Amino acid sequence: QYSCEALKKIYPNAHLFFLYRDIDKTARSFFKMTFAYAVFRIGMLVLRISTKPYKFLSQKMCHVKAATSQSRMKDDYSSSVMACLMMYEIFRQIRDSGVDISGLCYDDIIAGKKQSVESLFKICGVSEALVESAMRAFDRDSQRGCVLDKDKLATYPTLRVTEEDVERANGILSEFGYPPVGEPFRLEGTIPLNEPSCK
């Protein structure tokens, strides 16, 4: 929240966005990322023991009021979903505090790349003449050369998910007011990039 407010003071005409994607894809991707960043891996292991540290971080440091009733996570999938939900809840908290920030769904962008770019450029006041150049970004690995490089991520373990894991994750999602895994959802405040109103 404070970072957003600081950015708006420095760049009063800036548009702030929170980019997110399907919860299942995000959870699986986050699991791989924990092998690139030891602190995240440790966090995952701690959640398997107790959710108290998560509750402390989310409520005391990130000012997120919602918390799971689970005393501990029983699988890595639920832990990954929990980590993603923390980011979603931070976005909600920032919006509720009055900061002008909008959501962008990655899945919407990929479903209609050019229209999404055109819509974003229109919202941000960027020249439409730059749209074609911007389209090249979809052919590049934005994490190339860092620990999250696609080639490096491919070498990390893939999360194995059972029906029981999904069931437990759905219970957590329900606690936070989100639909079950597999059902489409959009965070409140998300810009409908591919709808006629954004053209």
N, C-alpha and C. Protein backbone atom coordinates (compact mmCIF):
# COMPACT_ATOMS: atom_id res chain seq x y z
N GLN A 1 0.83 -1.20 0.00
CA GLN A 1 0.00 0.00 0.00
C GLN A 1 0.87 1.26 0.00
N TYR A 2 1.88 1.26 0.89
CA TYR A 2 2.72 2.46 1.00
C TYR A 2 3.53 2.68 -0.26
N SER A 3 3.97 1.60 -0.89
CA SER A 3 4.72 1.71 -2.14
C SER A 3 3.84 2.30 -3.23
N CYS A 4 2.58 1.87 -3.29
CA CYS A 4 1.64 2.38 -4.28
C CYS A 4 1.40 3.87 -4.07
N GLU A 5 1.21 4.26 -2.82
CA GLU A 5 0.97 5.67 -2.52
C GLU A 5 2.19 6.51 -2.87
N ALA A 6 3.38 5.97 -2.62
CA ALA A 6 4.61 6.69 -2.93
C ALA A 6 4.76 6.87 -4.43
N LEU A 7 4.45 5.82 -5.19
CA LEU A 7 4.53 5.90 -6.65
C LEU A 7 3.57 6.95 -7.20
N LYS A 8 2.36 7.01 -6.62
CA LYS A 8 1.37 7.99 -7.10
C LYS A 8 1.81 9.42 -6.79
N LYS A 9 2.57 9.60 -5.70
CA LYS A 9 3.06 10.93 -5.36
C LYS A 9 4.14 11.37 -6.34
N ILE A 10 5.00 10.40 -6.71
CA ILE A 10 6.09 10.70 -7.64
C ILE A 10 5.56 10.81 -9.07
N TYR A 11 4.64 9.90 -9.42
CA TYR A 11 4.05 9.88 -10.77
C TYR A 11 2.53 9.97 -10.64
N PRO A 12 2.00 11.15 -10.40
CA PRO A 12 0.56 11.32 -10.15
C PRO A 12 -0.34 10.84 -11.29
N ASN A 13 0.17 10.78 -12.51
CA ASN A 13 -0.65 10.35 -13.64
C ASN A 13 -0.47 8.87 -13.98
N ALA A 14 0.30 8.17 -13.15
CA ALA A 14 0.59 6.75 -13.41
C ALA A 14 -0.65 5.89 -13.16
N HIS A 15 -0.75 4.79 -13.89
CA HIS A 15 -1.81 3.81 -13.70
C HIS A 15 -1.18 2.58 -13.04
N LEU A 16 -1.72 2.17 -11.92
CA LEU A 16 -1.18 1.02 -11.19
C LEU A 16 -2.00 -0.22 -11.50
N PHE A 17 -1.31 -1.34 -11.75
CA PHE A 17 -1.98 -2.59 -12.09
C PHE A 17 -1.45 -3.74 -11.24
N PHE A 18 -2.32 -4.68 -10.96
CA PHE A 18 -1.95 -5.92 -10.28
C PHE A 18 -2.23 -7.05 -11.26
N LEU A 19 -1.18 -7.72 -11.73
CA LEU A 19 -1.32 -8.79 -12.70
C LEU A 19 -1.44 -10.13 -11.99
N TYR A 20 -2.48 -10.88 -12.32
CA TYR A 20 -2.68 -12.19 -11.72
C TYR A 20 -3.19 -13.16 -12.78
N ARG A 21 -3.22 -14.45 -12.43
CA ARG A 21 -3.69 -15.45 -13.38
C ARG A 21 -4.49 -16.53 -12.67
N ASP A 22 -4.94 -17.52 -13.41
CA ASP A 22 -5.69 -18.65 -12.87
C ASP A 22 -4.97 -19.22 -11.63
N ILE A 23 -5.72 -19.47 -10.56
CA ILE A 23 -5.13 -19.87 -9.28
C ILE A 23 -4.38 -21.20 -9.39
N ASP A 24 -4.88 -22.14 -10.17
CA ASP A 24 -4.22 -23.44 -10.31
C ASP A 24 -2.86 -23.28 -10.99
N LYS A 25 -2.83 -22.53 -12.07
CA LYS A 25 -1.58 -22.30 -12.80
C LYS A 25 -0.59 -21.53 -11.92
N THR A 26 -1.11 -20.57 -11.17
CA THR A 26 -0.24 -19.77 -10.32
C THR A 26 0.37 -20.63 -9.22
N ALA A 27 -0.45 -21.49 -8.61
CA ALA A 27 0.03 -22.34 -7.53
C ALA A 27 1.12 -23.29 -8.02
N ARG A 28 0.91 -23.88 -9.20
CA ARG A 28 1.91 -24.81 -9.75
C ARG A 28 3.20 -24.07 -10.11
N SER A 29 3.06 -22.87 -10.62
CA SER A 29 4.23 -22.06 -10.97
C SER A 29 4.98 -21.62 -9.71
N PHE A 30 4.21 -21.24 -8.68
CA PHE A 30 4.82 -20.81 -7.43
C PHE A 30 5.63 -21.94 -6.80
N PHE A 31 5.10 -23.16 -6.87
CA PHE A 31 5.80 -24.32 -6.33
C PHE A 31 7.19 -24.44 -6.96
N LYS A 32 7.26 -24.31 -8.27
CA LYS A 32 8.56 -24.38 -8.95
C LYS A 32 9.47 -23.24 -8.50
N MET A 33 8.88 -22.06 -8.30
CA MET A 33 9.66 -20.89 -7.91
C MET A 33 10.32 -21.07 -6.55
N THR A 34 9.71 -21.91 -5.69
CA THR A 34 10.28 -22.10 -4.36
C THR A 34 11.64 -22.80 -4.41
N PHE A 35 11.93 -23.46 -5.52
CA PHE A 35 13.23 -24.11 -5.65
C PHE A 35 14.29 -23.14 -6.15
N ALA A 36 13.85 -21.96 -6.58
CA ALA A 36 14.78 -20.92 -7.02
C ALA A 36 15.08 -19.96 -5.87
N TYR A 37 14.13 -19.81 -4.96
CA TYR A 37 14.31 -18.92 -3.81
C TYR A 37 14.13 -19.72 -2.52
N ALA A 38 15.22 -19.92 -1.81
CA ALA A 38 15.20 -20.74 -0.60
C ALA A 38 14.21 -20.23 0.44
N VAL A 39 14.06 -18.91 0.56
CA VAL A 39 13.16 -18.37 1.57
C VAL A 39 11.72 -18.81 1.33
N PHE A 40 11.31 -18.92 0.05
CA PHE A 40 9.96 -19.39 -0.26
C PHE A 40 9.81 -20.87 0.06
N ARG A 41 10.87 -21.64 -0.23
CA ARG A 41 10.83 -23.07 0.06
C ARG A 41 10.71 -23.31 1.56
N ILE A 42 11.46 -22.53 2.33
CA ILE A 42 11.38 -22.64 3.79
C ILE A 42 9.98 -22.29 4.27
N GLY A 43 9.41 -21.24 3.65
CA GLY A 43 8.06 -20.83 4.00
C GLY A 43 7.04 -21.93 3.76
N MET A 44 7.21 -22.64 2.65
CA MET A 44 6.32 -23.74 2.32
C MET A 44 6.41 -24.84 3.37
N LEU A 45 7.64 -25.14 3.78
CA LEU A 45 7.85 -26.20 4.77
C LEU A 45 7.28 -25.79 6.13
N VAL A 46 7.40 -24.51 6.46
CA VAL A 46 6.85 -24.01 7.72
C VAL A 46 5.33 -24.15 7.73
N LEU A 47 4.70 -23.87 6.60
CA LEU A 47 3.24 -23.99 6.51
C LEU A 47 2.77 -25.42 6.74
N ARG A 48 3.63 -26.38 6.42
CA ARG A 48 3.28 -27.78 6.64
C ARG A 48 3.26 -28.10 8.14
N ILE A 49 3.96 -27.27 8.93
CA ILE A 49 4.03 -27.45 10.38
C ILE A 49 2.96 -26.62 11.09
N SER A 50 2.85 -25.34 10.67
CA SER A 50 1.90 -24.43 11.31
C SER A 50 1.61 -23.24 10.41
N THR A 51 0.37 -22.74 10.46
CA THR A 51 0.01 -21.54 9.69
C THR A 51 0.15 -20.27 10.52
N LYS A 52 0.57 -20.40 11.78
CA LYS A 52 0.69 -19.22 12.64
C LYS A 52 1.65 -18.17 12.08
N PRO A 53 2.84 -18.57 11.55
CA PRO A 53 3.73 -17.56 10.96
C PRO A 53 3.08 -16.82 9.80
N TYR A 54 2.31 -17.56 8.97
CA TYR A 54 1.61 -16.93 7.85
C TYR A 54 0.61 -15.90 8.36
N LYS A 55 -0.15 -16.29 9.40
CA LYS A 55 -1.15 -15.39 9.95
C LYS A 55 -0.50 -14.13 10.50
N PHE A 56 0.66 -14.28 11.14
CA PHE A 56 1.38 -13.13 11.67
C PHE A 56 1.82 -12.19 10.54
N LEU A 57 2.43 -12.78 9.51
CA LEU A 57 2.92 -11.98 8.39
C LEU A 57 1.78 -11.27 7.67
N SER A 58 0.71 -11.99 7.42
CA SER A 58 -0.40 -11.42 6.65
C SER A 58 -1.15 -10.35 7.43
N GLN A 59 -1.34 -10.57 8.73
CA GLN A 59 -2.13 -9.63 9.52
C GLN A 59 -1.32 -8.48 10.10
N LYS A 60 -0.11 -8.76 10.58
CA LYS A 60 0.69 -7.73 11.23
C LYS A 60 1.56 -6.92 10.27
N MET A 61 2.10 -7.61 9.25
CA MET A 61 3.02 -6.92 8.34
C MET A 61 2.34 -6.45 7.06
N CYS A 62 1.43 -7.29 6.53
CA CYS A 62 0.76 -6.94 5.26
C CYS A 62 -0.63 -6.38 5.49
N HIS A 63 -1.09 -6.36 6.75
CA HIS A 63 -2.38 -5.78 7.11
C HIS A 63 -3.55 -6.47 6.42
N VAL A 64 -3.40 -7.77 6.14
CA VAL A 64 -4.49 -8.55 5.56
C VAL A 64 -5.30 -9.14 6.70
N LYS A 65 -6.59 -8.85 6.72
CA LYS A 65 -7.44 -9.28 7.84
C LYS A 65 -7.84 -10.75 7.75
N ALA A 66 -8.08 -11.24 6.53
CA ALA A 66 -8.55 -12.62 6.37
C ALA A 66 -7.45 -13.62 6.69
N ALA A 67 -7.84 -14.77 7.25
CA ALA A 67 -6.87 -15.81 7.57
C ALA A 67 -7.57 -17.17 7.55
N THR A 68 -6.83 -18.19 7.20
CA THR A 68 -7.41 -19.54 7.15
C THR A 68 -7.58 -20.09 8.56
N SER A 69 -8.57 -20.97 8.71
CA SER A 69 -8.80 -21.62 10.00
C SER A 69 -7.94 -22.87 10.14
N GLN A 70 -7.25 -23.24 9.05
CA GLN A 70 -6.39 -24.42 9.07
C GLN A 70 -5.20 -24.19 10.00
N SER A 71 -4.89 -25.17 10.83
CA SER A 71 -3.75 -25.04 11.75
C SER A 71 -2.44 -25.30 11.02
N ARG A 72 -2.51 -26.08 9.93
CA ARG A 72 -1.32 -26.33 9.11
C ARG A 72 -1.76 -26.81 7.73
N MET A 73 -0.88 -26.65 6.75
CA MET A 73 -1.16 -27.13 5.41
C MET A 73 -0.70 -28.60 5.30
N LYS A 74 -1.51 -29.43 4.68
CA LYS A 74 -1.19 -30.86 4.62
C LYS A 74 -0.52 -31.27 3.31
N ASP A 75 -0.38 -30.34 2.38
CA ASP A 75 0.26 -30.67 1.11
C ASP A 75 0.81 -29.41 0.46
N ASP A 76 1.73 -29.57 -0.47
CA ASP A 76 2.37 -28.43 -1.13
C ASP A 76 1.40 -27.64 -2.01
N TYR A 77 0.39 -28.31 -2.54
CA TYR A 77 -0.58 -27.61 -3.39
C TYR A 77 -1.36 -26.59 -2.56
N SER A 78 -1.85 -27.01 -1.40
CA SER A 78 -2.60 -26.10 -0.53
C SER A 78 -1.70 -24.95 -0.07
N SER A 79 -0.43 -25.27 0.21
CA SER A 79 0.51 -24.23 0.63
C SER A 79 0.71 -23.21 -0.48
N SER A 80 0.82 -23.69 -1.71
CA SER A 80 1.01 -22.81 -2.86
C SER A 80 -0.22 -21.94 -3.09
N VAL A 81 -1.40 -22.54 -2.96
CA VAL A 81 -2.65 -21.79 -3.10
C VAL A 81 -2.73 -20.72 -2.02
N MET A 82 -2.33 -21.09 -0.80
CA MET A 82 -2.35 -20.15 0.32
C MET A 82 -1.45 -18.95 0.04
N ALA A 83 -0.27 -19.21 -0.52
CA ALA A 83 0.67 -18.13 -0.85
C ALA A 83 0.07 -17.19 -1.90
N CYS A 84 -0.61 -17.77 -2.89
CA CYS A 84 -1.25 -16.96 -3.94
C CYS A 84 -2.38 -16.11 -3.36
N LEU A 85 -3.15 -16.72 -2.46
CA LEU A 85 -4.27 -15.99 -1.86
C LEU A 85 -3.79 -14.79 -1.05
N MET A 86 -2.61 -14.92 -0.45
CA MET A 86 -2.06 -13.81 0.31
C MET A 86 -1.85 -12.60 -0.60
N MET A 87 -1.34 -12.85 -1.82
CA MET A 87 -1.13 -11.76 -2.77
C MET A 87 -2.46 -11.16 -3.21
N TYR A 88 -3.46 -12.03 -3.45
CA TYR A 88 -4.78 -11.54 -3.85
C TYR A 88 -5.37 -10.66 -2.74
N GLU A 89 -5.21 -11.11 -1.50
CA GLU A 89 -5.78 -10.37 -0.38
C GLU A 89 -5.06 -9.03 -0.17
N ILE A 90 -3.77 -8.99 -0.45
CA ILE A 90 -3.04 -7.73 -0.36
C ILE A 90 -3.58 -6.74 -1.39
N PHE A 91 -3.87 -7.25 -2.60
CA PHE A 91 -4.47 -6.40 -3.64
C PHE A 91 -5.81 -5.86 -3.18
N ARG A 92 -6.63 -6.74 -2.61
CA ARG A 92 -7.93 -6.32 -2.10
C ARG A 92 -7.77 -5.23 -1.03
N GLN A 93 -6.82 -5.44 -0.13
CA GLN A 93 -6.59 -4.51 0.96
C GLN A 93 -6.16 -3.14 0.42
N ILE A 94 -5.30 -3.15 -0.58
CA ILE A 94 -4.83 -1.89 -1.17
C ILE A 94 -6.00 -1.13 -1.80
N ARG A 95 -6.86 -1.86 -2.52
CA ARG A 95 -8.03 -1.23 -3.13
C ARG A 95 -8.97 -0.67 -2.07
N ASP A 96 -9.19 -1.46 -1.02
CA ASP A 96 -10.11 -1.04 0.04
C ASP A 96 -9.59 0.20 0.78
N SER A 97 -8.25 0.38 0.74
CA SER A 97 -7.67 1.54 1.43
C SER A 97 -7.85 2.83 0.63
N GLY A 98 -8.34 2.67 -0.62
CA GLY A 98 -8.59 3.85 -1.43
C GLY A 98 -7.57 4.11 -2.53
N VAL A 99 -6.55 3.27 -2.62
CA VAL A 99 -5.54 3.43 -3.67
C VAL A 99 -6.15 3.07 -5.02
N ASP A 100 -5.90 3.89 -6.02
CA ASP A 100 -6.43 3.67 -7.36
C ASP A 100 -5.55 2.64 -8.09
N ILE A 101 -5.91 1.37 -7.99
CA ILE A 101 -5.16 0.29 -8.63
C ILE A 101 -6.16 -0.68 -9.24
N SER A 102 -5.83 -1.18 -10.43
CA SER A 102 -6.73 -2.09 -11.15
C SER A 102 -6.09 -3.45 -11.34
N GLY A 103 -6.92 -4.47 -11.48
CA GLY A 103 -6.44 -5.81 -11.72
C GLY A 103 -6.35 -6.11 -13.20
N LEU A 104 -5.39 -6.93 -13.57
CA LEU A 104 -5.26 -7.40 -14.95
C LEU A 104 -5.14 -8.92 -14.90
N CYS A 105 -6.01 -9.60 -15.60
CA CYS A 105 -5.97 -11.06 -15.61
C CYS A 105 -5.09 -11.52 -16.79
N TYR A 106 -4.01 -12.21 -16.47
CA TYR A 106 -3.07 -12.68 -17.49
C TYR A 106 -3.77 -13.55 -18.52
N ASP A 107 -4.71 -14.36 -18.07
CA ASP A 107 -5.42 -15.26 -18.99
C ASP A 107 -6.23 -14.46 -20.02
N ASP A 108 -6.78 -13.32 -19.60
CA ASP A 108 -7.50 -12.46 -20.54
C ASP A 108 -6.56 -11.88 -21.57
N ILE A 109 -5.37 -11.48 -21.12
CA ILE A 109 -4.39 -10.88 -22.02
C ILE A 109 -3.96 -11.88 -23.09
N ILE A 110 -3.67 -13.11 -22.67
CA ILE A 110 -3.23 -14.14 -23.60
C ILE A 110 -4.34 -14.53 -24.57
N ALA A 111 -5.58 -14.48 -24.09
CA ALA A 111 -6.72 -14.85 -24.95
C ALA A 111 -6.94 -13.86 -26.08
N GLY A 112 -6.55 -12.63 -25.89
CA GLY A 112 -6.70 -11.61 -26.93
C GLY A 112 -5.55 -10.63 -26.84
N LYS A 113 -4.39 -11.06 -27.26
CA LYS A 113 -3.15 -10.29 -27.05
C LYS A 113 -3.21 -8.88 -27.62
N LYS A 114 -3.53 -8.78 -28.90
CA LYS A 114 -3.47 -7.46 -29.53
C LYS A 114 -4.51 -6.51 -28.96
N GLN A 115 -5.74 -7.00 -28.79
CA GLN A 115 -6.78 -6.13 -28.24
C GLN A 115 -6.44 -5.71 -26.81
N SER A 116 -5.83 -6.63 -26.06
CA SER A 116 -5.45 -6.31 -24.68
C SER A 116 -4.41 -5.20 -24.65
N VAL A 117 -3.42 -5.31 -25.53
CA VAL A 117 -2.38 -4.28 -25.60
C VAL A 117 -2.98 -2.95 -26.03
N GLU A 118 -3.85 -2.99 -27.03
CA GLU A 118 -4.50 -1.77 -27.50
C GLU A 118 -5.31 -1.12 -26.38
N SER A 119 -6.04 -1.95 -25.62
CA SER A 119 -6.85 -1.44 -24.52
C SER A 119 -5.98 -0.80 -23.44
N LEU A 120 -4.89 -1.48 -23.09
CA LEU A 120 -3.99 -0.97 -22.06
C LEU A 120 -3.34 0.34 -22.50
N PHE A 121 -2.92 0.39 -23.75
CA PHE A 121 -2.30 1.61 -24.27
C PHE A 121 -3.29 2.77 -24.25
N LYS A 122 -4.55 2.47 -24.56
CA LYS A 122 -5.58 3.51 -24.56
C LYS A 122 -5.80 4.03 -23.14
N ILE A 123 -5.85 3.11 -22.18
CA ILE A 123 -6.05 3.49 -20.77
C ILE A 123 -4.89 4.34 -20.25
N CYS A 124 -3.68 3.96 -20.66
CA CYS A 124 -2.47 4.64 -20.17
C CYS A 124 -2.06 5.84 -21.02
N GLY A 125 -2.77 6.07 -22.11
CA GLY A 125 -2.44 7.21 -22.96
C GLY A 125 -1.19 7.02 -23.79
N VAL A 126 -0.88 5.76 -24.12
CA VAL A 126 0.28 5.44 -24.95
C VAL A 126 -0.13 5.39 -26.41
N SER A 127 0.71 5.87 -27.29
CA SER A 127 0.39 5.92 -28.71
C SER A 127 0.10 4.53 -29.29
N GLU A 128 -0.97 4.41 -30.07
CA GLU A 128 -1.33 3.15 -30.71
C GLU A 128 -0.28 2.72 -31.73
N ALA A 129 0.55 3.67 -32.16
CA ALA A 129 1.60 3.36 -33.13
C ALA A 129 2.64 2.39 -32.55
N LEU A 130 2.66 2.25 -31.23
CA LEU A 130 3.63 1.39 -30.57
C LEU A 130 3.10 -0.03 -30.29
N VAL A 131 1.85 -0.27 -30.66
CA VAL A 131 1.23 -1.57 -30.38
C VAL A 131 1.99 -2.73 -31.02
N GLU A 132 2.30 -2.58 -32.30
CA GLU A 132 2.98 -3.67 -33.03
C GLU A 132 4.33 -3.99 -32.41
N SER A 133 5.04 -2.97 -31.99
CA SER A 133 6.34 -3.19 -31.35
C SER A 133 6.16 -3.91 -30.01
N ALA A 134 5.11 -3.53 -29.29
CA ALA A 134 4.85 -4.13 -27.98
C ALA A 134 4.49 -5.61 -28.10
N MET A 135 3.91 -6.01 -29.23
CA MET A 135 3.50 -7.40 -29.42
C MET A 135 4.68 -8.36 -29.39
N ARG A 136 5.89 -7.86 -29.64
CA ARG A 136 7.08 -8.72 -29.64
C ARG A 136 7.35 -9.29 -28.25
N ALA A 137 6.84 -8.63 -27.23
CA ALA A 137 7.07 -9.08 -25.86
C ALA A 137 6.51 -10.48 -25.61
N PHE A 138 5.47 -10.84 -26.34
CA PHE A 138 4.85 -12.16 -26.15
C PHE A 138 5.73 -13.30 -26.67
N ASP A 139 6.71 -12.96 -27.48
CA ASP A 139 7.60 -13.98 -28.03
C ASP A 139 8.90 -14.12 -27.24
N ARG A 140 8.99 -13.39 -26.14
CA ARG A 140 10.22 -13.39 -25.34
C ARG A 140 9.96 -13.90 -23.93
N ASP A 141 10.99 -14.45 -23.32
CA ASP A 141 10.92 -14.89 -21.93
C ASP A 141 11.27 -13.68 -21.06
N SER A 142 10.28 -13.15 -20.37
CA SER A 142 10.51 -11.94 -19.57
C SER A 142 11.48 -12.19 -18.41
N GLN A 143 11.70 -13.47 -18.06
CA GLN A 143 12.60 -13.80 -16.96
C GLN A 143 13.96 -14.31 -17.46
N ARG A 144 14.20 -14.15 -18.73
CA ARG A 144 15.43 -14.67 -19.32
C ARG A 144 16.67 -14.11 -18.62
N GLY A 145 17.60 -15.02 -18.30
CA GLY A 145 18.85 -14.60 -17.68
C GLY A 145 18.83 -14.54 -16.16
N CYS A 146 17.67 -14.81 -15.55
CA CYS A 146 17.60 -14.80 -14.09
C CYS A 146 17.24 -16.19 -13.57
N VAL A 147 17.06 -16.34 -12.27
CA VAL A 147 16.79 -17.65 -11.69
C VAL A 147 15.43 -18.22 -12.09
N LEU A 148 14.57 -17.34 -12.64
CA LEU A 148 13.24 -17.80 -13.07
C LEU A 148 13.17 -18.00 -14.58
N ASP A 149 14.31 -18.08 -15.21
CA ASP A 149 14.40 -18.37 -16.64
C ASP A 149 13.62 -19.65 -16.93
N LYS A 150 12.86 -19.67 -18.02
CA LYS A 150 12.02 -20.84 -18.36
C LYS A 150 12.83 -22.13 -18.42
N ASP A 151 14.01 -22.06 -18.98
CA ASP A 151 14.86 -23.26 -19.08
C ASP A 151 15.27 -23.76 -17.70
N LYS A 152 15.52 -22.83 -16.78
CA LYS A 152 15.90 -23.22 -15.43
C LYS A 152 14.71 -23.79 -14.67
N LEU A 153 13.55 -23.14 -14.83
CA LEU A 153 12.35 -23.62 -14.15
C LEU A 153 11.99 -25.03 -14.59
N ALA A 154 12.28 -25.34 -15.86
CA ALA A 154 11.96 -26.66 -16.39
C ALA A 154 12.74 -27.78 -15.70
N THR A 155 13.85 -27.42 -15.06
CA THR A 155 14.68 -28.42 -14.38
C THR A 155 14.21 -28.68 -12.95
N TYR A 156 13.30 -27.85 -12.44
CA TYR A 156 12.81 -28.02 -11.07
C TYR A 156 11.66 -29.02 -11.03
N PRO A 157 11.42 -29.65 -9.88
CA PRO A 157 10.34 -30.63 -9.76
C PRO A 157 8.98 -30.05 -10.12
N THR A 158 8.13 -30.88 -10.70
CA THR A 158 6.76 -30.49 -11.03
C THR A 158 5.83 -30.91 -9.90
N LEU A 159 4.94 -30.04 -9.52
CA LEU A 159 4.03 -30.31 -8.41
C LEU A 159 3.03 -31.41 -8.79
N ARG A 160 2.99 -32.45 -8.00
CA ARG A 160 2.03 -33.52 -8.21
C ARG A 160 0.81 -33.25 -7.33
N VAL A 161 -0.36 -33.20 -7.97
CA VAL A 161 -1.58 -32.83 -7.26
C VAL A 161 -2.60 -33.97 -7.30
N THR A 162 -3.11 -34.36 -6.15
CA THR A 162 -4.12 -35.40 -6.06
C THR A 162 -5.50 -34.77 -5.89
N GLU A 163 -6.55 -35.57 -6.02
CA GLU A 163 -7.90 -35.07 -5.82
C GLU A 163 -8.08 -34.57 -4.39
N GLU A 164 -7.43 -35.24 -3.46
CA GLU A 164 -7.51 -34.82 -2.06
C GLU A 164 -6.85 -33.46 -1.87
N ASP A 165 -5.75 -33.22 -2.59
CA ASP A 165 -5.08 -31.92 -2.50
C ASP A 165 -6.00 -30.81 -2.99
N VAL A 166 -6.67 -31.07 -4.12
CA VAL A 166 -7.58 -30.07 -4.70
C VAL A 166 -8.74 -29.81 -3.75
N GLU A 167 -9.24 -30.88 -3.13
CA GLU A 167 -10.36 -30.74 -2.19
C GLU A 167 -9.97 -29.86 -1.00
N ARG A 168 -8.76 -30.09 -0.48
CA ARG A 168 -8.30 -29.27 0.64
C ARG A 168 -8.10 -27.82 0.21
N ALA A 169 -7.54 -27.62 -1.00
CA ALA A 169 -7.33 -26.27 -1.52
C ALA A 169 -8.67 -25.56 -1.72
N ASN A 170 -9.67 -26.28 -2.19
CA ASN A 170 -11.00 -25.69 -2.39
C ASN A 170 -11.60 -25.23 -1.07
N GLY A 171 -11.30 -25.96 0.01
CA GLY A 171 -11.80 -25.56 1.32
C GLY A 171 -11.20 -24.22 1.74
N ILE A 172 -9.92 -24.04 1.44
CA ILE A 172 -9.25 -22.77 1.76
C ILE A 172 -9.79 -21.64 0.89
N LEU A 173 -9.96 -21.92 -0.40
CA LEU A 173 -10.51 -20.91 -1.31
C LEU A 173 -11.89 -20.46 -0.85
N SER A 174 -12.70 -21.41 -0.40
CA SER A 174 -14.04 -21.09 0.07
C SER A 174 -13.99 -20.17 1.29
N GLU A 175 -13.03 -20.41 2.17
CA GLU A 175 -12.88 -19.56 3.36
C GLU A 175 -12.66 -18.10 2.98
N PHE A 176 -11.94 -17.89 1.88
CA PHE A 176 -11.61 -16.53 1.45
C PHE A 176 -12.63 -15.96 0.47
N GLY A 177 -13.67 -16.75 0.17
CA GLY A 177 -14.71 -16.26 -0.73
C GLY A 177 -14.41 -16.42 -2.20
N TYR A 178 -13.53 -17.37 -2.56
CA TYR A 178 -13.19 -17.62 -3.96
C TYR A 178 -13.84 -18.92 -4.44
N PRO A 179 -14.10 -19.02 -5.73
CA PRO A 179 -14.68 -20.26 -6.28
C PRO A 179 -13.67 -21.39 -6.28
N PRO A 180 -14.13 -22.63 -6.47
CA PRO A 180 -13.23 -23.79 -6.47
C PRO A 180 -12.23 -23.75 -7.63
N VAL A 181 -11.18 -24.53 -7.49
CA VAL A 181 -10.17 -24.67 -8.55
C VAL A 181 -10.86 -25.13 -9.83
N GLY A 182 -10.50 -24.49 -10.93
CA GLY A 182 -11.08 -24.87 -12.22
C GLY A 182 -12.20 -23.97 -12.68
N GLU A 183 -12.82 -23.25 -11.75
CA GLU A 183 -13.90 -22.33 -12.12
C GLU A 183 -13.31 -20.94 -12.37
N PRO A 184 -13.74 -20.29 -13.44
CA PRO A 184 -13.20 -18.96 -13.76
C PRO A 184 -13.58 -17.93 -12.71
N PHE A 185 -12.71 -16.99 -12.46
CA PHE A 185 -13.02 -15.92 -11.52
C PHE A 185 -12.21 -14.69 -11.90
N ARG A 186 -12.68 -13.56 -11.46
CA ARG A 186 -11.98 -12.31 -11.67
C ARG A 186 -12.01 -11.53 -10.36
N LEU A 187 -10.87 -11.01 -9.97
CA LEU A 187 -10.83 -10.19 -8.77
C LEU A 187 -11.61 -8.90 -9.00
N GLU A 188 -12.25 -8.42 -7.97
CA GLU A 188 -12.98 -7.15 -8.08
C GLU A 188 -12.00 -6.05 -8.45
N GLY A 189 -12.37 -5.25 -9.44
CA GLY A 189 -11.49 -4.19 -9.89
C GLY A 189 -10.67 -4.58 -11.10
N THR A 190 -10.95 -5.77 -11.66
CA THR A 190 -10.22 -6.22 -12.85
C THR A 190 -10.76 -5.54 -14.10
N ILE A 191 -9.87 -5.08 -14.95
CA ILE A 191 -10.27 -4.42 -16.20
C ILE A 191 -10.62 -5.49 -17.24
N PRO A 192 -11.82 -5.45 -17.80
CA PRO A 192 -12.23 -6.43 -18.83
C PRO A 192 -11.63 -6.07 -20.18
N LEU A 193 -10.36 -6.38 -20.38
CA LEU A 193 -9.62 -5.93 -21.56
C LEU A 193 -10.23 -6.33 -22.89
N ASN A 194 -10.85 -7.49 -22.94
CA ASN A 194 -11.35 -7.98 -24.23
C ASN A 194 -12.84 -7.74 -24.46
N GLU A 195 -13.43 -6.90 -23.64
CA GLU A 195 -14.82 -6.56 -23.84
C GLU A 195 -14.93 -5.30 -24.69
N PRO A 196 -16.04 -5.16 -25.42
CA PRO A 196 -16.23 -3.99 -26.31
C PRO A 196 -16.00 -2.65 -25.64
N SER A 197 -16.30 -2.57 -24.32
CA SER A 197 -16.19 -1.29 -23.60
C SER A 197 -14.74 -0.82 -23.51
N CYS A 198 -13.80 -1.76 -23.73
CA CYS A 198 -12.37 -1.39 -23.64
C CYS A 198 -11.77 -1.07 -25.00
N LYS A 199 -12.54 -1.21 -26.05
CA LYS A 199 -12.00 -0.95 -27.38
C LYS A 199 -11.83 0.55 -27.60
